Amino acid sequence: MTKSQLGIALLVFAATAAAQTNTWELGHPDAKLMLGVDVKSIRESAAWKLFSDQSKTRPPASAMQAMGMGILEQINHIFVSSPGNPTSNSKTTAPFLLAVEGKFPLEALRAFQQSAPRRYRTADLYRTTKTDTTTLAVMDGLLLLGDEKSVVAALDRRGRALPPASKLLARAKALAATNDVWIIADESLSKFQPAKADWNPLAAPFASQIKGIDFGLAAHEGFQFELSLATESEAAASQIAQLFAMQLQMELAAKADTPEVANMAQKLKIDSLGNRMRVSLALPKEEFAALLQAAQSAEVARAQATATAPQTPPAAARPAKPANPGKITIYGLDGGPRVIETTH
């Protein structure tokens, strides 16, 4: 094989590999909501390093948490797509597709495999429950989870040329280019809520007021956070902004003695413009590093305080006293209950 032939072969292989791992093509063509997480990018950030260091100093709370942390170490990208619920039927869950790129130990997936595998194209399909059609597709380096129709359609689209990008997809790609975590939606959040049996009734009215979301978070070169919610009216946008500000003030009040947190609170911007509520925060790299350092120091101090605190021995168990010491009450007698005095 000549060098030129080798070069062409490598280009073809690269193009094929890119097509096979491009999660954009897997999403619903008529998606109204998309979400993405660049886990690999987050894992390389200073914030993740701090979180990992803290996790190593204390054991996980449960085996499930330990397994979750292990899986996160192997995941590279997460992508979610949904066209929303086409009807107003609250008893059905909107179609959705969750795509996860990375390496997955097979033993970690067995809990989700509630059926024998069924081969479709390049994937093994499993039902994840015995009560609905939620389906898991397992491939080398890629997992798909969703309703069966969405998963099968995604496998049909895999490796094919993308149709012209919709406006939502174009906006999603723009967000993904500069953010580690992003969400975009052009529909009422009530269209994406799960069946009412699993839905928080307090959240339903709030979700119905939200008509769209643009959200992005980046934590590499400093910290960037932007959230824009489209609401049904200017009044709703103003009300949600006020509620958001009140909640945030309560959270920050508990850490008001930390200079870094106080500085962050001053830079947080919350307002409304027309029918949109907006929140944004931008911290330069140095300030974000100081905030992380303060959080790490606080965690170390708490761990040291817990380790050096005197351990109070548990109190000796005492026998419970009878409700009426020295008396016995007999029920069911003619004339009503009778109380008998005892000598012990």
Foldseek 3Di string as FASTA:
>chain_A
DDPVVVVVVVVVVVVQVCLQPPCLLLADLLFQKKKKAQLQQVCPAPLVVLVVVLPVVDDDPDPVVVLVVVVSVFWGMKMKTFNFAPDLQLQAATWMKIKIFGADDPVSCPQQAPDAWDDDDQWTWGHRDPPFQWIWTDHGRMIMTTHPVSNNVSVVRRSPDDDPHDPQRVLVVVQVVAARIWMKGQAQQLRRDHRPVPDDPVCNVVSRFFRMWTWGWHRHQFTKTKIKTAGPWQVNLQVVLVVVLVVVCVVLVVVVVDPLSVVQVVQWDWDGDTRMTMIIGTGGNVSRVVVSVVVSVVSVVVVVCVVPDDDDDDDDDDDDDDPDPQWDWDADDPPGIDIDGHPD
